[in-house]
PDB file of N, CA and C in Angstrom:
ATOM      1  N   MET A   1     -38.207 -62.045  -3.340  1.00  0.00           N
ATOM      2  CA  MET A   1     -37.634 -60.510  -3.200  1.00  0.00           C
ATOM      3  C   MET A   1     -36.275 -60.706  -2.499  1.00  0.00           C
ATOM      4  N   ALA A   2     -35.697 -61.383  -1.940  1.00  0.00           N
ATOM      5  CA  ALA A   2     -34.471 -61.357  -1.355  1.00  0.00           C
ATOM      6  C   ALA A   2     -33.358 -61.495  -2.199  1.00  0.00           C
ATOM      7  N   LYS A   3     -33.739 -62.810  -3.167  1.00  0.00           N
ATOM      8  CA  LYS A   3     -32.841 -62.888  -4.683  1.00  0.00           C
ATOM      9  C   LYS A   3     -33.329 -61.419  -5.352  1.00  0.00           C
ATOM     10  N   ASP A   4     -33.617 -60.339  -5.587  1.00  0.00           N
ATOM     11  CA  ASP A   4     -33.105 -59.057  -6.058  1.00  0.00           C
ATOM     12  C   ASP A   4     -32.978 -58.518  -5.554  1.00  0.00           C
ATOM     13  N   ARG A   5     -32.287 -58.427  -4.034  1.00  0.00           N
ATOM     14  CA  ARG A   5     -31.915 -57.585  -3.561  1.00  0.00           C
ATOM     15  C   ARG A   5     -30.416 -58.437  -3.222  1.00  0.00           C
ATOM     16  N   SER A   6     -30.125 -59.567  -3.617  1.00  0.00           N
ATOM     17  CA  SER A   6     -28.741 -60.001  -3.803  1.00  0.00           C
ATOM     18  C   SER A   6     -27.476 -59.417  -5.115  1.00  0.00           C
ATOM     19  N   PHE A   7     -29.270 -59.834  -6.282  1.00  0.00           N
ATOM     20  CA  PHE A   7     -28.129 -59.316  -7.112  1.00  0.00           C
ATOM     21  C   PHE A   7     -27.970 -58.438  -7.312  1.00  0.00           C
ATOM     22  N   ALA A   8     -28.858 -57.041  -6.322  1.00  0.00           N
ATOM     23  CA  ALA A   8     -28.496 -55.647  -6.666  1.00  0.00           C
ATOM     24  C   ALA A   8     -27.112 -55.316  -5.818  1.00  0.00           C
ATOM     25  N   TYR A   9     -27.742 -56.100  -4.490  1.00  0.00           N
ATOM     26  CA  TYR A   9     -25.988 -55.814  -3.458  1.00  0.00           C
ATOM     27  C   TYR A   9     -24.387 -56.031  -4.637  1.00  0.00           C
ATOM     28  N   TRP A  10     -24.518 -56.949  -5.225  1.00  0.00           N
ATOM     29  CA  TRP A  10     -24.157 -58.037  -6.049  1.00  0.00           C
ATOM     30  C   TRP A  10     -23.283 -56.587  -6.770  1.00  0.00           C
ATOM     31  N   ASN A  11     -24.171 -56.298  -7.639  1.00  0.00           N
ATOM     32  CA  ASN A  11     -24.180 -55.174  -8.738  1.00  0.00           C
ATOM     33  C   ASN A  11     -24.424 -53.924  -7.855  1.00  0.00           C
ATOM     34  N   PHE A  12     -24.017 -53.573  -7.058  1.00  0.00           N
ATOM     35  CA  PHE A  12     -23.925 -51.982  -6.261  1.00  0.00           C
ATOM     36  C   PHE A  12     -22.339 -52.289  -5.701  1.00  0.00           C
ATOM     37  N   GLY A  13     -22.094 -53.269  -5.298  1.00  0.00           N
ATOM     38  CA  GLY A  13     -20.746 -53.874  -4.835  1.00  0.00           C
ATOM     39  C   GLY A  13     -19.565 -54.282  -6.477  1.00  0.00           C
ATOM     40  N   ILE A  14     -19.898 -54.467  -7.453  1.00  0.00           N
ATOM     41  CA  ILE A  14     -19.139 -53.960  -8.822  1.00  0.00           C
ATOM     42  C   ILE A  14     -19.023 -52.989  -8.954  1.00  0.00           C
ATOM     43  N   VAL A  15     -19.603 -52.541  -8.401  1.00  0.00           N
ATOM     44  CA  VAL A  15     -19.690 -50.274  -9.546  1.00  0.00           C
ATOM     45  C   VAL A  15     -18.521 -49.905  -8.208  1.00  0.00           C
ATOM     46  N   SER A  16     -19.385 -49.935  -7.376  1.00  0.00           N
ATOM     47  CA  SER A  16     -17.819 -49.530  -6.002  1.00  0.00           C
ATOM     48  C   SER A  16     -16.680 -49.907  -6.438  1.00  0.00           C
ATOM     49  N   TYR A  17     -16.939 -51.201  -7.213  1.00  0.00           N
ATOM     50  CA  TYR A  17     -15.271 -51.187  -7.017  1.00  0.00           C
ATOM     51  C   TYR A  17     -14.051 -50.685  -7.785  1.00  0.00           C
ATOM     52  N   PHE A  18     -15.358 -50.283  -9.210  1.00  0.00           N
ATOM     53  CA  PHE A  18     -14.815 -49.292 -10.037  1.00  0.00           C
ATOM     54  C   PHE A  18     -14.569 -48.384 -10.014  1.00  0.00           C
ATOM     55  N   LEU A  19     -15.698 -47.764  -9.075  1.00  0.00           N
ATOM     56  CA  LEU A  19     -15.810 -45.853  -8.807  1.00  0.00           C
ATOM     57  C   LEU A  19     -14.154 -45.666  -7.546  1.00  0.00           C
ATOM     58  N   VAL A  20     -14.329 -46.867  -6.847  1.00  0.00           N
ATOM     59  CA  VAL A  20     -13.204 -46.822  -5.984  1.00  0.00           C
ATOM     60  C   VAL A  20     -12.154 -46.636  -6.381  1.00  0.00           C
ATOM     61  N   LEU A  21     -11.656 -47.330  -7.771  1.00  0.00           N
ATOM     62  CA  LEU A  21     -10.609 -47.678  -8.957  1.00  0.00           C
ATOM     63  C   LEU A  21     -10.422 -46.076 -10.197  1.00  0.00           C
ATOM     64  N   TYR A  22     -11.404 -45.936  -9.910  1.00  0.00           N
ATOM     65  CA  TYR A  22     -11.704 -44.764 -10.357  1.00  0.00           C
ATOM     66  C   TYR A  22     -10.924 -43.354  -9.902  1.00  0.00           C
ATOM     67  N   LEU A  23     -11.664 -43.379  -9.196  1.00  0.00           N
ATOM     68  CA  LEU A  23     -11.244 -42.136  -7.877  1.00  0.00           C
ATOM     69  C   LEU A  23      -9.618 -42.175  -7.289  1.00  0.00           C
ATOM     70  N   LEU A  24      -8.828 -43.373  -7.512  1.00  0.00           N
ATOM     71  CA  LEU A  24      -7.461 -43.608  -6.613  1.00  0.00           C
ATOM     72  C   LEU A  24      -6.716 -43.214  -7.888  1.00  0.00           C
ATOM     73  N   TYR A  25      -7.234 -43.134  -8.794  1.00  0.00           N
ATOM     74  CA  TYR A  25      -6.564 -42.887 -10.389  1.00  0.00           C
ATOM     75  C   TYR A  25      -6.909 -40.822 -10.418  1.00  0.00           C
ATOM     76  N   TYR A  26      -7.777 -40.678 -10.478  1.00  0.00           N
ATOM     77  CA  TYR A  26      -8.447 -39.783 -10.636  1.00  0.00           C
ATOM     78  C   TYR A  26      -7.371 -38.182  -9.359  1.00  0.00           C
ATOM     79  N   PHE A  27      -7.745 -39.371  -8.225  1.00  0.00           N
ATOM     80  CA  PHE A  27      -6.512 -38.303  -7.173  1.00  0.00           C
ATOM     81  C   PHE A  27      -5.015 -38.567  -6.788  1.00  0.00           C
ATOM     82  N   LYS A  28      -4.614 -39.668  -7.654  1.00  0.00           N
ATOM     83  CA  LYS A  28      -3.283 -40.405  -7.787  1.00  0.00           C
ATOM     84  C   LYS A  28      -3.242 -40.560  -6.823  1.00  0.00           C
ATOM     85  N   ILE A  29      -4.013 -41.544  -6.023  1.00  0.00           N
ATOM     86  CA  ILE A  29      -3.473 -42.222  -4.578  1.00  0.00           C
ATOM     87  C   ILE A  29      -2.833 -43.687  -4.764  1.00  0.00           C
ATOM     88  N   ASP A  30      -2.002 -43.545  -4.388  1.00  0.00           N
ATOM     89  CA  ASP A  30      -0.643 -45.312  -5.308  1.00  0.00           C
ATOM     90  C   ASP A  30       0.348 -45.492  -3.441  1.00  0.00           C
ATOM     91  N   SER A  31      -0.203 -46.444  -3.056  1.00  0.00           N
ATOM     92  CA  SER A  31       0.818 -47.274  -2.397  1.00  0.00           C
ATOM     93  C   SER A  31       1.187 -48.502  -3.094  1.00  0.00           C
ATOM     94  N   THR A  32       1.750 -49.030  -2.431  1.00  0.00           N
ATOM     95  CA  THR A  32       2.218 -50.591  -2.617  1.00  0.00           C
ATOM     96  C   THR A  32       1.015 -51.208  -2.796  1.00  0.00           C
ATOM     97  N   ILE A  33       0.413 -51.258  -1.738  1.00  0.00           N
ATOM     98  CA  ILE A  33      -0.759 -52.241  -1.144  1.00  0.00           C
ATOM     99  C   ILE A  33      -2.182 -51.980  -1.786  1.00  0.00           C
ATOM    100  N   ILE A  34      -2.432 -50.462  -2.038  1.00  0.00           N
ATOM    101  CA  ILE A  34      -3.318 -50.346  -3.349  1.00  0.00           C
ATOM    102  C   ILE A  34      -2.899 -51.281  -4.246  1.00  0.00           C
ATOM    103  N   GLY A  35      -1.392 -50.596  -4.705  1.00  0.00           N
ATOM    104  CA  GLY A  35      -1.384 -51.528  -6.039  1.00  0.00           C
ATOM    105  C   GLY A  35      -1.681 -53.126  -6.498  1.00  0.00           C
ATOM    106  N   VAL A  36      -1.533 -53.423  -5.152  1.00  0.00           N
ATOM    107  CA  VAL A  36      -0.968 -55.161  -4.696  1.00  0.00           C
ATOM    108  C   VAL A  36      -2.604 -55.485  -5.145  1.00  0.00           C
ATOM    109  N   LEU A  37      -3.747 -54.615  -3.981  1.00  0.00           N
ATOM    110  CA  LEU A  37      -4.930 -55.180  -4.319  1.00  0.00           C
ATOM    111  C   LEU A  37      -5.320 -55.261  -5.597  1.00  0.00           C
ATOM    112  N   ARG A  38      -5.222 -53.971  -6.218  1.00  0.00           N
ATOM    113  CA  ARG A  38      -5.614 -53.037  -7.786  1.00  0.00           C
ATOM    114  C   ARG A  38      -5.524 -54.422  -8.423  1.00  0.00           C
ATOM    115  N   GLU A  39      -4.139 -54.934  -8.137  1.00  0.00           N
ATOM    116  CA  GLU A  39      -4.046 -55.878  -9.123  1.00  0.00           C
ATOM    117  C   GLU A  39      -4.678 -57.192  -8.790  1.00  0.00           C
ATOM    118  N   ILE A  40      -4.738 -57.716  -7.538  1.00  0.00           N
ATOM    119  CA  ILE A  40      -5.730 -58.835  -7.204  1.00  0.00           C
ATOM    120  C   ILE A  40      -6.889 -59.334  -7.623  1.00  0.00           C
ATOM    121  N   PHE A  41      -7.607 -57.779  -7.576  1.00  0.00           N
ATOM    122  CA  PHE A  41      -8.911 -58.274  -7.361  1.00  0.00           C
ATOM    123  C   PHE A  41      -9.620 -57.752  -9.241  1.00  0.00           C
ATOM    124  N   THR A  42      -8.852 -56.597 -10.225  1.00  0.00           N
ATOM    125  CA  THR A  42      -9.368 -56.384 -10.798  1.00  0.00           C
ATOM    126  C   THR A  42      -9.772 -56.982 -12.282  1.00  0.00           C
ATOM    127  N   ILE A  43      -9.119 -58.398 -12.397  1.00  0.00           N
ATOM    128  CA  ILE A  43      -9.201 -59.392 -13.547  1.00  0.00           C
ATOM    129  C   ILE A  43     -10.775 -60.370 -12.544  1.00  0.00           C
ATOM    130  N   PRO A  44     -10.757 -60.793 -11.630  1.00  0.00           N
ATOM    131  CA  PRO A  44     -11.458 -61.281 -10.693  1.00  0.00           C
ATOM    132  C   PRO A  44     -13.181 -60.109 -11.093  1.00  0.00           C
ATOM    133  N   PHE A  45     -13.092 -58.656 -10.176  1.00  0.00           N
ATOM    134  CA  PHE A  45     -13.782 -57.761 -10.359  1.00  0.00           C
ATOM    135  C   PHE A  45     -14.515 -57.314 -11.846  1.00  0.00           C
ATOM    136  N   PHE A  46     -13.924 -57.438 -13.145  1.00  0.00           N
ATOM    137  CA  PHE A  46     -13.435 -57.719 -14.056  1.00  0.00           C
ATOM    138  C   PHE A  46     -14.881 -58.561 -14.838  1.00  0.00           C
ATOM    139  N   VAL A  47     -14.492 -59.818 -14.947  1.00  0.00           N
ATOM    140  CA  VAL A  47     -15.364 -61.065 -15.007  1.00  0.00           C
ATOM    141  C   VAL A  47     -16.461 -60.945 -14.508  1.00  0.00           C
ATOM    142  N   LEU A  48     -16.837 -60.605 -13.266  1.00  0.00           N
ATOM    143  CA  LEU A  48     -18.128 -60.746 -12.161  1.00  0.00           C
ATOM    144  C   LEU A  48     -18.966 -59.393 -13.240  1.00  0.00           C
ATOM    145  N   LEU A  49     -18.003 -58.690 -13.631  1.00  0.00           N
ATOM    146  CA  LEU A  49     -19.429 -57.826 -14.002  1.00  0.00           C
ATOM    147  C   LEU A  49     -19.462 -57.998 -15.734  1.00  0.00           C
ATOM    148  N   LEU A  50     -19.029 -59.102 -16.108  1.00  0.00           N
ATOM    149  CA  LEU A  50     -19.899 -59.427 -17.533  1.00  0.00           C
ATOM    150  C   LEU A  50     -20.474 -60.530 -16.866  1.00  0.00           C
ATOM    151  N   VAL A  51     -20.791 -60.976 -16.411  1.00  0.00           N
ATOM    152  CA  VAL A  51     -21.211 -62.216 -15.502  1.00  0.00           C
ATOM    153  C   VAL A  51     -22.512 -61.897 -15.310  1.00  0.00           C
ATOM    154  N   PHE A  52     -22.568 -60.908 -14.740  1.00  0.00           N
ATOM    155  CA  PHE A  52     -23.180 -59.835 -13.980  1.00  0.00           C
ATOM    156  C   PHE A  52     -24.495 -59.100 -14.912  1.00  0.00           C
ATOM    157  N   ALA A  53     -24.092 -58.535 -15.745  1.00  0.00           N
ATOM    158  CA  ALA A  53     -24.853 -58.072 -16.185  1.00  0.00           C
ATOM    159  C   ALA A  53     -25.704 -58.313 -17.626  1.00  0.00           C
ATOM    160  N   PRO A  54     -25.561 -59.988 -18.171  1.00  0.00           N
ATOM    161  CA  PRO A  54     -26.431 -59.995 -18.794  1.00  0.00           C
ATOM    162  C   PRO A  54     -27.168 -60.744 -17.493  1.00  0.00           C
ATOM    163  N   LEU A  55     -26.820 -62.029 -16.578  1.00  0.00           N
ATOM    164  CA  LEU A  55     -27.447 -62.307 -15.756  1.00  0.00           C
ATOM    165  C   LEU A  55     -28.819 -61.108 -14.554  1.00  0.00           C
ATOM    166  N   SER A  56     -28.197 -60.401 -14.823  1.00  0.00           N
ATOM    167  CA  SER A  56     -29.163 -59.651 -14.575  1.00  0.00           C
ATOM    168  C   SER A  56     -30.573 -58.779 -14.873  1.00  0.00           C
ATOM    169  N   ILE A  57     -30.523 -58.595 -16.104  1.00  0.00           N
ATOM    170  CA  ILE A  57     -31.553 -58.331 -16.567  1.00  0.00           C
ATOM    171  C   ILE A  57     -31.671 -59.643 -17.261  1.00  0.00           C
ATOM    172  N   ILE A  58     -31.758 -60.988 -17.298  1.00  0.00           N
ATOM    173  CA  ILE A  58     -32.244 -61.795 -17.158  1.00  0.00           C
ATOM    174  C   ILE A  58     -33.013 -62.055 -16.212  1.00  0.00           C
ATOM    175  N   GLN A  59     -32.503 -62.011 -14.938  1.00  0.00           N
ATOM    176  CA  GLN A  59     -33.212 -61.796 -13.291  1.00  0.00           C
ATOM    177  C   GLN A  59     -34.328 -61.156 -13.809  1.00  0.00           C
ATOM    178  N   TYR A  60     -34.186 -59.603 -14.133  1.00  0.00           N
ATOM    179  CA  TYR A  60     -34.997 -58.634 -14.438  1.00  0.00           C
ATOM    180  C   TYR A  60     -35.840 -58.926 -15.028  1.00  0.00           C
ATOM    181  N   ARG A  61     -36.354 -59.142 -16.284  1.00  0.00           N
ATOM    182  CA  ARG A  61     -37.375 -59.478 -17.301  1.00  0.00           C
ATOM    183  C   ARG A  61     -37.643 -61.127 -16.868  1.00  0.00           C
ATOM    184  N   ARG A  62     -37.144 -61.966 -15.792  1.00  0.00           N
ATOM    185  CA  ARG A  62     -38.278 -63.322 -15.633  1.00  0.00           C
ATOM    186  C   ARG A  62     -39.203 -62.365 -14.492  1.00  0.00           C
ATOM    187  N   HIS A  63     -38.570 -62.037 -13.182  1.00  0.00           N
ATOM    188  CA  HIS A  63     -38.961 -62.516 -12.107  1.00  0.00           C
ATOM    189  C   HIS A  63     -39.288 -60.884 -11.451  1.00  0.00           C
ATOM    190  N   TYR A  64     -38.723 -60.410 -11.399  1.00  0.00           N
ATOM    191  CA  TYR A  64     -38.355 -58.863 -11.286  1.00  0.00           C
ATOM    192  C   TYR A  64     -38.755 -57.389 -11.575  1.00  0.00           C
ATOM    193  N   ARG A  65     -39.825 -57.616 -12.526  1.00  0.00           N
ATOM    194  CA  ARG A  65     -39.587 -55.772 -13.433  1.00  0.00           C
ATOM    195  C   ARG A  65     -39.905 -55.153 -12.072  1.00  0.00           C
ATOM    196  N   ASN A  66     -40.659 -54.943 -11.262  1.00  0.00           N
ATOM    197  CA  ASN A  66     -41.437 -53.925 -10.754  1.00  0.00           C
ATOM    198  C   ASN A  66     -40.596 -53.489  -9.364  1.00  0.00           C
ATOM    199  N   SER A  67     -38.974 -54.135  -9.359  1.00  0.00           N
ATOM    200  CA  SER A  67     -37.948 -53.776  -8.397  1.00  0.00           C
ATOM    201  C   SER A  67     -37.228 -53.096  -9.135  1.00  0.00           C
ATOM    202  N   THR A  68     -36.933 -51.642  -8.543  1.00  0.00           N
ATOM    203  CA  THR A  68     -36.496 -50.752  -8.624  1.00  0.00           C
ATOM    204  C   THR A  68     -35.162 -50.650  -7.654  1.00  0.00           C
ATOM    205  N   LEU A  69     -34.831 -51.020  -6.897  1.00  0.00           N
ATOM    206  CA  LEU A  69     -33.288 -51.315  -6.991  1.00  0.00           C
ATOM    207  C   LEU A  69     -32.516 -52.071  -7.706  1.00  0.00           C
ATOM    208  N   LEU A  70     -33.453 -53.082  -8.326  1.00  0.00           N
ATOM    209  CA  LEU A  70     -32.620 -53.841  -9.444  1.00  0.00           C
ATOM    210  C   LEU A  70     -32.858 -53.384 -10.448  1.00  0.00           C
ATOM    211  N   LYS A  71     -33.464 -52.588 -11.142  1.00  0.00           N
ATOM    212  CA  LYS A  71     -33.440 -51.947 -12.147  1.00  0.00           C
ATOM    213  C   LYS A  71     -32.435 -50.320 -11.928  1.00  0.00           C
ATOM    214  N   ILE A  72     -32.500 -49.320 -10.601  1.00  0.00           N
ATOM    215  CA  ILE A  72     -31.072 -48.452 -10.206  1.00  0.00           C
ATOM    216  C   ILE A  72     -29.561 -49.792 -10.450  1.00  0.00           C
ATOM    217  N   SER A  73     -29.854 -50.633  -9.814  1.00  0.00           N
ATOM    218  CA  SER A  73     -27.866 -51.180 -10.683  1.00  0.00           C
ATOM    219  C   SER A  73     -28.294 -52.051 -11.607  1.00  0.00           C
ATOM    220  N   ILE A  74     -28.476 -52.227 -12.575  1.00  0.00           N
ATOM    221  CA  ILE A  74     -28.212 -52.195 -13.821  1.00  0.00           C
ATOM    222  C   ILE A  74     -27.906 -51.441 -14.255  1.00  0.00           C
ATOM    223  N   PHE A  75     -29.079 -50.858 -14.285  1.00  0.00           N
ATOM    224  CA  PHE A  75     -28.012 -49.147 -15.043  1.00  0.00           C
ATOM    225  C   PHE A  75     -27.022 -49.115 -15.012  1.00  0.00           C
ATOM    226  N   LEU A  76     -27.101 -48.611 -13.456  1.00  0.00           N
ATOM    227  CA  LEU A  76     -25.282 -48.440 -13.273  1.00  0.00           C
ATOM    228  C   LEU A  76     -24.265 -49.363 -13.921  1.00  0.00           C
ATOM    229  N   LEU A  77     -25.186 -50.799 -13.104  1.00  0.00           N
ATOM    230  CA  LEU A  77     -23.912 -52.178 -13.928  1.00  0.00           C
ATOM    231  C   LEU A  77     -23.507 -51.470 -15.347  1.00  0.00           C
ATOM    232  N   LEU A  78     -24.707 -51.408 -16.244  1.00  0.00           N
ATOM    233  CA  LEU A  78     -24.523 -51.470 -17.737  1.00  0.00           C
ATOM    234  C   LEU A  78     -23.232 -50.109 -18.096  1.00  0.00           C
ATOM    235  N   ILE A  79     -23.904 -49.032 -17.323  1.00  0.00           N
ATOM    236  CA  ILE A  79     -22.992 -47.725 -17.318  1.00  0.00           C
ATOM    237  C   ILE A  79     -21.420 -47.928 -17.009  1.00  0.00           C
ATOM    238  N   CYS A  80     -21.284 -48.444 -16.107  1.00  0.00           N
ATOM    239  CA  CYS A  80     -19.605 -49.157 -15.417  1.00  0.00           C
ATOM    240  C   CYS A  80     -19.296 -49.840 -16.308  1.00  0.00           C
ATOM    241  N   LEU A  81     -19.733 -51.175 -16.684  1.00  0.00           N
ATOM    242  CA  LEU A  81     -19.373 -52.092 -18.104  1.00  0.00           C
ATOM    243  C   LEU A  81     -19.037 -51.499 -19.356  1.00  0.00           C
ATOM    244  N   ALA A  82     -20.083 -50.256 -19.785  1.00  0.00           N
ATOM    245  CA  ALA A  82     -19.539 -49.107 -21.309  1.00  0.00           C
ATOM    246  C   ALA A  82     -18.176 -48.355 -21.212  1.00  0.00           C
ATOM    247  N   LEU A  83     -18.492 -48.069 -19.729  1.00  0.00           N
ATOM    248  CA  LEU A  83     -16.940 -47.159 -19.440  1.00  0.00           C
ATOM    249  C   LEU A  83     -15.873 -48.068 -19.188  1.00  0.00           C
ATOM    250  N   VAL A  84     -16.097 -48.833 -18.663  1.00  0.00           N
ATOM    251  CA  VAL A  84     -14.323 -50.312 -18.496  1.00  0.00           C
ATOM    252  C   VAL A  84     -14.410 -50.956 -19.923  1.00  0.00           C
ATOM    253  N   ILE A  85     -15.176 -51.188 -21.149  1.00  0.00           N
ATOM    254  CA  ILE A  85     -14.906 -51.112 -22.319  1.00  0.00           C
ATOM    255  C   ILE A  85     -14.364 -49.921 -23.362  1.00  0.00           C
ATOM    256  N   ILE A  86     -15.153 -48.909 -23.000  1.00  0.00           N
ATOM    257  CA  ILE A  86     -15.233 -47.714 -23.695  1.00  0.00           C
ATOM    258  C   ILE A  86     -12.979 -47.712 -23.222  1.00  0.00           C
ATOM    259  N   SER A  87     -12.530 -47.568 -22.022  1.00  0.00           N
ATOM    260  CA  SER A  87     -11.169 -47.361 -21.382  1.00  0.00           C
ATOM    261  C   SER A  87     -10.818 -47.998 -22.284  1.00  0.00           C
ATOM    262  N   PHE A  88     -10.530 -49.132 -22.943  1.00  0.00           N
ATOM    263  CA  PHE A  88      -9.605 -50.347 -23.043  1.00  0.00           C
ATOM    264  C   PHE A  88      -8.998 -49.393 -24.711  1.00  0.00           C
ATOM    265  N   PHE A  89      -9.859 -48.980 -24.871  1.00  0.00           N
ATOM    266  CA  PHE A  89      -9.619 -47.954 -26.548  1.00  0.00           C
ATOM    267  C   PHE A  89      -9.246 -46.984 -26.241  1.00  0.00           C
TER     268      PHE A  89
END
């Protein structure tokens, strides 16, 4: 039970980062420190997004089929992944 929650928390953290990034862009909030932090954290969080999407699905299918929290976090993570990939084009 604790492992599915840790996956869910990681997924929510990744989605939260990209949501904050979008909100900063939408409201045109920009300062030097925000720009530095954005540059430092965007690539690692993108890699985490690419790693945790399949890992979470595999964990869900193997062990935690009745975990609602994990289902919601995977759904949000996949939406985030799709939006990030679409934003490149």
